[in-house]
Amino acid sequence: EEAIFTSPFLGMGLGSFEEAFRLYRDETISDFFRYAHSVYLEVGFELGIPAATSLIFAVAGMALLSMSGLWRRQRSHLYPALGVAATVLVALHSLVDFSLQMPAVAVTYFALMGVACAQAYPRERNSDLTPRS
């Protein structure tokens, strides 16, 4: 927490947690840490508060889009519901671990969110894309 407020606007630099954390740990911590074990704290530490807030709002926006798809679609709620559920799972797990920093987890999550956001809008019945005869 103290480290975040040392440079609250610019942060310490993306990927710098491992090196910069050494400056803030006291003598009771002798272990070597590569990650903060909280994505939110680590992103705030590395990117600064404004950029971290923007990143979190971008992910929350995708979740809200998926949630609105639950009400907009008349049928096939599966994909928007999957997007909401995946976001809740990843957001809660990110409080205590750094799973979104693993490429396999991040790519899978954002692929699911791409499908969920794309399916959040119902298909138009009279679309301009349908061929006219």
N, C-alpha and C. Protein backbone atom coordinates (compact mmCIF):
# COMPACT_ATOMS: atom_id res chain seq x y z
N GLU A 1 0.83 -1.19 0.00
CA GLU A 1 0.00 0.00 0.00
C GLU A 1 0.88 1.26 0.00
N GLU A 2 1.89 1.27 0.83
CA GLU A 2 2.81 2.41 0.87
C GLU A 2 3.50 2.59 -0.48
N ALA A 3 3.83 1.48 -1.13
CA ALA A 3 4.51 1.55 -2.42
C ALA A 3 3.62 2.14 -3.50
N ILE A 4 2.35 1.87 -3.45
CA ILE A 4 1.42 2.41 -4.45
C ILE A 4 1.37 3.93 -4.34
N PHE A 5 1.37 4.45 -3.12
CA PHE A 5 1.26 5.89 -2.93
C PHE A 5 2.58 6.62 -3.07
N THR A 6 3.67 5.90 -3.29
CA THR A 6 4.94 6.55 -3.59
C THR A 6 4.89 7.18 -4.97
N SER A 7 4.29 6.49 -5.92
CA SER A 7 4.12 7.00 -7.28
C SER A 7 2.70 6.66 -7.75
N PRO A 8 1.69 7.36 -7.23
CA PRO A 8 0.31 6.97 -7.50
C PRO A 8 -0.17 7.22 -8.92
N PHE A 9 0.42 8.14 -9.64
CA PHE A 9 -0.07 8.48 -10.97
C PHE A 9 0.61 7.69 -12.08
N LEU A 10 1.88 7.44 -11.97
CA LEU A 10 2.62 6.75 -13.02
C LEU A 10 2.99 5.32 -12.66
N GLY A 11 2.92 4.96 -11.40
CA GLY A 11 3.29 3.62 -10.98
C GLY A 11 4.80 3.40 -11.07
N MET A 12 5.20 2.18 -10.86
CA MET A 12 6.61 1.83 -10.89
C MET A 12 7.06 1.29 -12.24
N GLY A 13 6.13 1.02 -13.12
CA GLY A 13 6.46 0.47 -14.42
C GLY A 13 5.93 -0.95 -14.57
N LEU A 14 5.37 -1.24 -15.71
CA LEU A 14 4.80 -2.56 -15.96
C LEU A 14 5.89 -3.63 -15.88
N GLY A 15 5.65 -4.65 -15.09
CA GLY A 15 6.59 -5.74 -14.94
C GLY A 15 7.69 -5.49 -13.93
N SER A 16 7.58 -4.43 -13.16
CA SER A 16 8.66 -4.07 -12.24
C SER A 16 8.42 -4.52 -10.81
N PHE A 17 7.37 -5.27 -10.56
CA PHE A 17 7.06 -5.63 -9.17
C PHE A 17 8.20 -6.37 -8.50
N GLU A 18 8.74 -7.33 -9.18
CA GLU A 18 9.79 -8.17 -8.59
C GLU A 18 10.97 -7.34 -8.10
N GLU A 19 11.41 -6.40 -8.89
CA GLU A 19 12.56 -5.56 -8.51
C GLU A 19 12.17 -4.45 -7.54
N ALA A 20 11.05 -3.79 -7.79
CA ALA A 20 10.68 -2.63 -6.98
C ALA A 20 10.18 -3.01 -5.59
N PHE A 21 9.63 -4.21 -5.44
CA PHE A 21 9.12 -4.63 -4.13
C PHE A 21 10.25 -4.76 -3.11
N ARG A 22 11.43 -5.05 -3.58
CA ARG A 22 12.58 -5.17 -2.67
C ARG A 22 12.83 -3.88 -1.89
N LEU A 23 12.48 -2.74 -2.47
CA LEU A 23 12.69 -1.46 -1.80
C LEU A 23 11.74 -1.24 -0.62
N TYR A 24 10.60 -1.93 -0.64
CA TYR A 24 9.55 -1.67 0.35
C TYR A 24 9.37 -2.77 1.39
N ARG A 25 10.01 -3.89 1.22
CA ARG A 25 9.83 -4.95 2.21
C ARG A 25 10.74 -4.69 3.42
N ASP A 26 10.30 -5.16 4.56
CA ASP A 26 11.10 -4.97 5.77
C ASP A 26 11.86 -6.26 6.09
N GLU A 27 12.54 -6.27 7.22
CA GLU A 27 13.39 -7.41 7.57
C GLU A 27 12.60 -8.67 7.91
N THR A 28 11.31 -8.55 8.17
CA THR A 28 10.50 -9.74 8.47
C THR A 28 10.19 -10.54 7.22
N ILE A 29 10.35 -9.95 6.05
CA ILE A 29 10.08 -10.65 4.78
C ILE A 29 11.43 -10.98 4.15
N SER A 30 11.76 -12.23 4.16
CA SER A 30 13.05 -12.64 3.59
C SER A 30 12.89 -13.39 2.28
N ASP A 31 11.67 -13.78 1.94
CA ASP A 31 11.44 -14.54 0.72
C ASP A 31 11.49 -13.63 -0.51
N PHE A 32 11.59 -14.29 -1.65
CA PHE A 32 11.67 -13.63 -2.94
C PHE A 32 10.29 -13.68 -3.58
N PHE A 33 9.69 -12.56 -3.96
CA PHE A 33 8.36 -12.52 -4.54
C PHE A 33 8.41 -12.00 -5.97
N ARG A 34 7.80 -12.76 -6.88
CA ARG A 34 7.71 -12.30 -8.27
C ARG A 34 6.38 -11.62 -8.54
N TYR A 35 5.35 -11.99 -7.77
CA TYR A 35 4.00 -11.45 -7.96
C TYR A 35 3.44 -11.02 -6.61
N ALA A 36 2.45 -10.13 -6.64
CA ALA A 36 1.88 -9.60 -5.40
C ALA A 36 0.79 -10.50 -4.82
N HIS A 37 0.35 -11.50 -5.54
CA HIS A 37 -0.74 -12.38 -5.13
C HIS A 37 -2.05 -11.62 -4.95
N SER A 38 -2.18 -10.49 -5.60
CA SER A 38 -3.42 -9.75 -5.76
C SER A 38 -3.23 -8.93 -7.03
N VAL A 39 -3.97 -9.29 -8.06
CA VAL A 39 -3.82 -8.60 -9.34
C VAL A 39 -4.10 -7.12 -9.19
N TYR A 40 -5.08 -6.77 -8.37
CA TYR A 40 -5.46 -5.37 -8.20
C TYR A 40 -4.33 -4.55 -7.56
N LEU A 41 -3.72 -5.09 -6.51
CA LEU A 41 -2.61 -4.38 -5.87
C LEU A 41 -1.40 -4.29 -6.79
N GLU A 42 -1.12 -5.38 -7.50
CA GLU A 42 0.04 -5.37 -8.38
C GLU A 42 -0.14 -4.42 -9.56
N VAL A 43 -1.33 -4.37 -10.12
CA VAL A 43 -1.59 -3.45 -11.23
C VAL A 43 -1.53 -2.01 -10.74
N GLY A 44 -2.05 -1.74 -9.56
CA GLY A 44 -1.95 -0.40 -8.99
C GLY A 44 -0.51 0.00 -8.72
N PHE A 45 0.29 -0.96 -8.27
CA PHE A 45 1.71 -0.73 -7.99
C PHE A 45 2.49 -0.46 -9.27
N GLU A 46 2.24 -1.25 -10.31
CA GLU A 46 3.02 -1.15 -11.54
C GLU A 46 2.54 -0.04 -12.48
N LEU A 47 1.24 0.12 -12.61
CA LEU A 47 0.70 1.07 -13.60
C LEU A 47 0.31 2.42 -13.02
N GLY A 48 0.08 2.48 -11.73
CA GLY A 48 -0.45 3.69 -11.12
C GLY A 48 -1.96 3.60 -11.03
N ILE A 49 -2.53 4.43 -10.21
CA ILE A 49 -3.97 4.35 -9.95
C ILE A 49 -4.82 4.69 -11.17
N PRO A 50 -4.53 5.75 -11.95
CA PRO A 50 -5.39 6.05 -13.11
C PRO A 50 -5.40 4.93 -14.15
N ALA A 51 -4.25 4.38 -14.51
CA ALA A 51 -4.20 3.32 -15.51
C ALA A 51 -4.81 2.03 -14.97
N ALA A 52 -4.59 1.74 -13.70
CA ALA A 52 -5.18 0.53 -13.10
C ALA A 52 -6.70 0.64 -13.08
N THR A 53 -7.20 1.82 -12.75
CA THR A 53 -8.65 2.03 -12.74
C THR A 53 -9.23 1.88 -14.14
N SER A 54 -8.54 2.41 -15.14
CA SER A 54 -9.00 2.27 -16.53
C SER A 54 -9.04 0.80 -16.96
N LEU A 55 -8.03 0.05 -16.60
CA LEU A 55 -7.98 -1.36 -16.95
C LEU A 55 -9.10 -2.14 -16.28
N ILE A 56 -9.35 -1.86 -15.03
CA ILE A 56 -10.42 -2.55 -14.31
C ILE A 56 -11.78 -2.16 -14.86
N PHE A 57 -11.97 -0.89 -15.21
CA PHE A 57 -13.24 -0.45 -15.80
C PHE A 57 -13.45 -1.07 -17.19
N ALA A 58 -12.40 -1.31 -17.95
CA ALA A 58 -12.55 -1.95 -19.25
C ALA A 58 -13.08 -3.37 -19.10
N VAL A 59 -12.54 -4.09 -18.16
CA VAL A 59 -13.01 -5.46 -17.92
C VAL A 59 -14.42 -5.44 -17.35
N ALA A 60 -14.71 -4.50 -16.45
CA ALA A 60 -16.05 -4.37 -15.89
C ALA A 60 -17.05 -3.99 -16.98
N GLY A 61 -16.63 -3.19 -17.94
CA GLY A 61 -17.51 -2.83 -19.05
C GLY A 61 -17.91 -4.03 -19.89
N MET A 62 -16.96 -4.94 -20.12
CA MET A 62 -17.30 -6.17 -20.84
C MET A 62 -18.28 -7.02 -20.04
N ALA A 63 -18.10 -7.05 -18.73
CA ALA A 63 -19.02 -7.81 -17.88
C ALA A 63 -20.41 -7.19 -17.90
N LEU A 64 -20.48 -5.86 -17.86
CA LEU A 64 -21.79 -5.19 -17.92
C LEU A 64 -22.46 -5.39 -19.27
N LEU A 65 -21.68 -5.41 -20.34
CA LEU A 65 -22.24 -5.68 -21.66
C LEU A 65 -22.81 -7.10 -21.72
N SER A 66 -22.09 -8.04 -21.15
CA SER A 66 -22.60 -9.41 -21.10
C SER A 66 -23.85 -9.50 -20.24
N MET A 67 -23.85 -8.78 -19.12
CA MET A 67 -25.02 -8.81 -18.25
C MET A 67 -26.24 -8.20 -18.93
N SER A 68 -26.02 -7.14 -19.70
CA SER A 68 -27.16 -6.55 -20.42
C SER A 68 -27.67 -7.50 -21.50
N GLY A 69 -26.78 -8.36 -22.02
CA GLY A 69 -27.21 -9.36 -22.99
C GLY A 69 -28.15 -10.39 -22.40
N LEU A 70 -28.06 -10.60 -21.10
CA LEU A 70 -29.00 -11.53 -20.45
C LEU A 70 -30.43 -11.01 -20.54
N TRP A 71 -30.60 -9.70 -20.49
CA TRP A 71 -31.94 -9.12 -20.56
C TRP A 71 -32.36 -8.83 -22.00
N ARG A 72 -31.42 -8.51 -22.88
CA ARG A 72 -31.76 -8.14 -24.25
C ARG A 72 -32.17 -9.33 -25.11
N ARG A 73 -31.48 -10.43 -24.94
CA ARG A 73 -31.74 -11.59 -25.80
C ARG A 73 -33.01 -12.29 -25.36
N GLN A 74 -33.81 -12.69 -26.32
CA GLN A 74 -35.03 -13.43 -26.01
C GLN A 74 -34.74 -14.91 -25.78
N ARG A 75 -33.68 -15.40 -26.41
CA ARG A 75 -33.27 -16.79 -26.22
C ARG A 75 -31.76 -16.86 -26.33
N SER A 76 -31.19 -18.02 -26.10
CA SER A 76 -29.74 -18.23 -26.15
C SER A 76 -29.00 -17.31 -25.19
N HIS A 77 -29.36 -17.42 -23.93
CA HIS A 77 -28.70 -16.63 -22.89
C HIS A 77 -27.38 -17.24 -22.44
N LEU A 78 -27.02 -18.38 -22.99
CA LEU A 78 -25.87 -19.13 -22.50
C LEU A 78 -24.58 -18.33 -22.57
N TYR A 79 -24.29 -17.72 -23.69
CA TYR A 79 -23.00 -17.03 -23.86
C TYR A 79 -22.87 -15.77 -23.00
N PRO A 80 -23.88 -14.91 -22.95
CA PRO A 80 -23.77 -13.78 -22.02
C PRO A 80 -23.67 -14.23 -20.56
N ALA A 81 -24.40 -15.27 -20.20
CA ALA A 81 -24.32 -15.79 -18.82
C ALA A 81 -22.94 -16.34 -18.53
N LEU A 82 -22.33 -17.00 -19.51
CA LEU A 82 -20.98 -17.52 -19.36
C LEU A 82 -19.98 -16.38 -19.16
N GLY A 83 -20.17 -15.28 -19.86
CA GLY A 83 -19.29 -14.12 -19.70
C GLY A 83 -19.40 -13.51 -18.32
N VAL A 84 -20.61 -13.39 -17.80
CA VAL A 84 -20.81 -12.85 -16.46
C VAL A 84 -20.19 -13.78 -15.42
N ALA A 85 -20.45 -15.07 -15.56
CA ALA A 85 -19.92 -16.04 -14.60
C ALA A 85 -18.39 -16.08 -14.63
N ALA A 86 -17.81 -16.04 -15.83
CA ALA A 86 -16.34 -16.06 -15.94
C ALA A 86 -15.73 -14.81 -15.32
N THR A 87 -16.38 -13.67 -15.49
CA THR A 87 -15.86 -12.43 -14.91
C THR A 87 -15.93 -12.45 -13.40
N VAL A 88 -17.03 -12.94 -12.85
CA VAL A 88 -17.15 -13.04 -11.39
C VAL A 88 -16.08 -13.97 -10.85
N LEU A 89 -15.88 -15.10 -11.50
CA LEU A 89 -14.87 -16.06 -11.07
C LEU A 89 -13.46 -15.46 -11.11
N VAL A 90 -13.11 -14.85 -12.23
CA VAL A 90 -11.77 -14.28 -12.39
C VAL A 90 -11.57 -13.08 -11.47
N ALA A 91 -12.58 -12.24 -11.31
CA ALA A 91 -12.45 -11.06 -10.45
C ALA A 91 -12.26 -11.44 -8.99
N LEU A 92 -13.00 -12.43 -8.52
CA LEU A 92 -12.84 -12.85 -7.13
C LEU A 92 -11.51 -13.56 -6.92
N HIS A 93 -11.11 -14.39 -7.86
CA HIS A 93 -9.85 -15.11 -7.72
C HIS A 93 -8.65 -14.15 -7.79
N SER A 94 -8.80 -13.05 -8.51
CA SER A 94 -7.71 -12.08 -8.63
C SER A 94 -7.46 -11.32 -7.34
N LEU A 95 -8.37 -11.39 -6.39
CA LEU A 95 -8.14 -10.76 -5.09
C LEU A 95 -7.02 -11.44 -4.32
N VAL A 96 -6.86 -12.75 -4.54
CA VAL A 96 -5.90 -13.51 -3.73
C VAL A 96 -4.83 -14.22 -4.54
N ASP A 97 -4.86 -14.10 -5.86
CA ASP A 97 -3.88 -14.79 -6.68
C ASP A 97 -3.67 -14.02 -7.98
N PHE A 98 -2.75 -14.48 -8.78
CA PHE A 98 -2.37 -13.76 -10.00
C PHE A 98 -2.67 -14.58 -11.25
N SER A 99 -3.80 -15.25 -11.28
CA SER A 99 -4.10 -16.17 -12.39
C SER A 99 -4.21 -15.46 -13.74
N LEU A 100 -4.67 -14.23 -13.77
CA LEU A 100 -4.79 -13.52 -15.05
C LEU A 100 -3.45 -13.16 -15.66
N GLN A 101 -2.37 -13.32 -14.91
CA GLN A 101 -1.05 -13.06 -15.47
C GLN A 101 -0.48 -14.29 -16.16
N MET A 102 -1.19 -15.39 -16.09
CA MET A 102 -0.78 -16.59 -16.82
C MET A 102 -1.44 -16.52 -18.20
N PRO A 103 -0.65 -16.61 -19.26
CA PRO A 103 -1.20 -16.43 -20.61
C PRO A 103 -2.36 -17.37 -20.94
N ALA A 104 -2.31 -18.60 -20.52
CA ALA A 104 -3.38 -19.54 -20.84
C ALA A 104 -4.71 -19.10 -20.22
N VAL A 105 -4.67 -18.61 -19.00
CA VAL A 105 -5.89 -18.16 -18.33
C VAL A 105 -6.39 -16.87 -18.97
N ALA A 106 -5.50 -15.94 -19.24
CA ALA A 106 -5.90 -14.66 -19.82
C ALA A 106 -6.49 -14.83 -21.22
N VAL A 107 -5.85 -15.64 -22.05
CA VAL A 107 -6.34 -15.85 -23.42
C VAL A 107 -7.70 -16.55 -23.39
N THR A 108 -7.85 -17.55 -22.53
CA THR A 108 -9.13 -18.25 -22.43
C THR A 108 -10.23 -17.31 -21.93
N TYR A 109 -9.92 -16.52 -20.92
CA TYR A 109 -10.92 -15.59 -20.38
C TYR A 109 -11.35 -14.57 -21.43
N PHE A 110 -10.39 -13.96 -22.12
CA PHE A 110 -10.75 -12.94 -23.10
C PHE A 110 -11.39 -13.52 -24.35
N ALA A 111 -11.10 -14.76 -24.69
CA ALA A 111 -11.82 -15.43 -25.79
C ALA A 111 -13.28 -15.65 -25.39
N LEU A 112 -13.50 -16.09 -24.16
CA LEU A 112 -14.87 -16.25 -23.66
C LEU A 112 -15.60 -14.91 -23.64
N MET A 113 -14.91 -13.86 -23.23
CA MET A 113 -15.55 -12.54 -23.17
C MET A 113 -15.84 -12.00 -24.57
N GLY A 114 -14.99 -12.32 -25.53
CA GLY A 114 -15.27 -11.92 -26.91
C GLY A 114 -16.55 -12.54 -27.42
N VAL A 115 -16.72 -13.81 -27.16
CA VAL A 115 -17.95 -14.50 -27.57
C VAL A 115 -19.15 -13.95 -26.80
N ALA A 116 -18.98 -13.76 -25.49
CA ALA A 116 -20.08 -13.27 -24.66
C ALA A 116 -20.52 -11.86 -25.08
N CYS A 117 -19.57 -11.00 -25.36
CA CYS A 117 -19.92 -9.63 -25.78
C CYS A 117 -20.53 -9.62 -27.18
N ALA A 118 -20.04 -10.49 -28.07
CA ALA A 118 -20.61 -10.56 -29.42
C ALA A 118 -22.04 -11.09 -29.39
N GLN A 119 -22.34 -11.97 -28.46
CA GLN A 119 -23.67 -12.54 -28.37
C GLN A 119 -24.59 -11.76 -27.42
N ALA A 120 -24.14 -10.63 -26.93
CA ALA A 120 -24.96 -9.83 -26.02
C ALA A 120 -26.08 -9.12 -26.75
N TYR A 121 -25.92 -8.92 -28.04
CA TYR A 121 -26.95 -8.25 -28.83
C TYR A 121 -27.79 -9.28 -29.55
N PRO A 122 -29.12 -9.12 -29.54
CA PRO A 122 -29.96 -10.07 -30.28
C PRO A 122 -29.78 -9.87 -31.78
N ARG A 123 -30.01 -10.93 -32.51
CA ARG A 123 -29.90 -10.86 -33.97
C ARG A 123 -31.11 -10.12 -34.51
N GLU A 124 -30.86 -9.22 -35.44
CA GLU A 124 -31.94 -8.45 -36.05
C GLU A 124 -32.70 -9.34 -37.02
N ARG A 125 -34.01 -9.24 -37.00
CA ARG A 125 -34.81 -10.06 -37.91
C ARG A 125 -34.75 -9.52 -39.34
N ASN A 126 -34.85 -8.23 -39.48
CA ASN A 126 -34.81 -7.60 -40.80
C ASN A 126 -33.50 -6.87 -40.97
N SER A 127 -32.46 -7.60 -41.10
CA SER A 127 -31.14 -7.01 -41.20
C SER A 127 -30.86 -6.52 -42.61
N ASP A 128 -30.05 -5.47 -42.71
CA ASP A 128 -29.65 -4.97 -44.02
C ASP A 128 -28.66 -5.90 -44.69
N LEU A 129 -28.14 -6.86 -43.96
CA LEU A 129 -27.15 -7.77 -44.50
C LEU A 129 -27.78 -8.97 -45.22
N THR A 130 -29.08 -9.16 -45.09
CA THR A 130 -29.71 -10.30 -45.75
C THR A 130 -29.92 -9.97 -47.22
N PRO A 131 -29.64 -10.93 -48.12
CA PRO A 131 -29.80 -10.66 -49.56
C PRO A 131 -31.28 -10.49 -49.92
N ARG A 132 -31.51 -9.58 -50.83
CA ARG A 132 -32.88 -9.35 -51.32
C ARG A 132 -33.08 -10.11 -52.62
N SER A 133 -34.28 -10.64 -52.77
CA SER A 133 -34.54 -11.40 -54.00
C SER A 133 -35.44 -10.65 -54.96
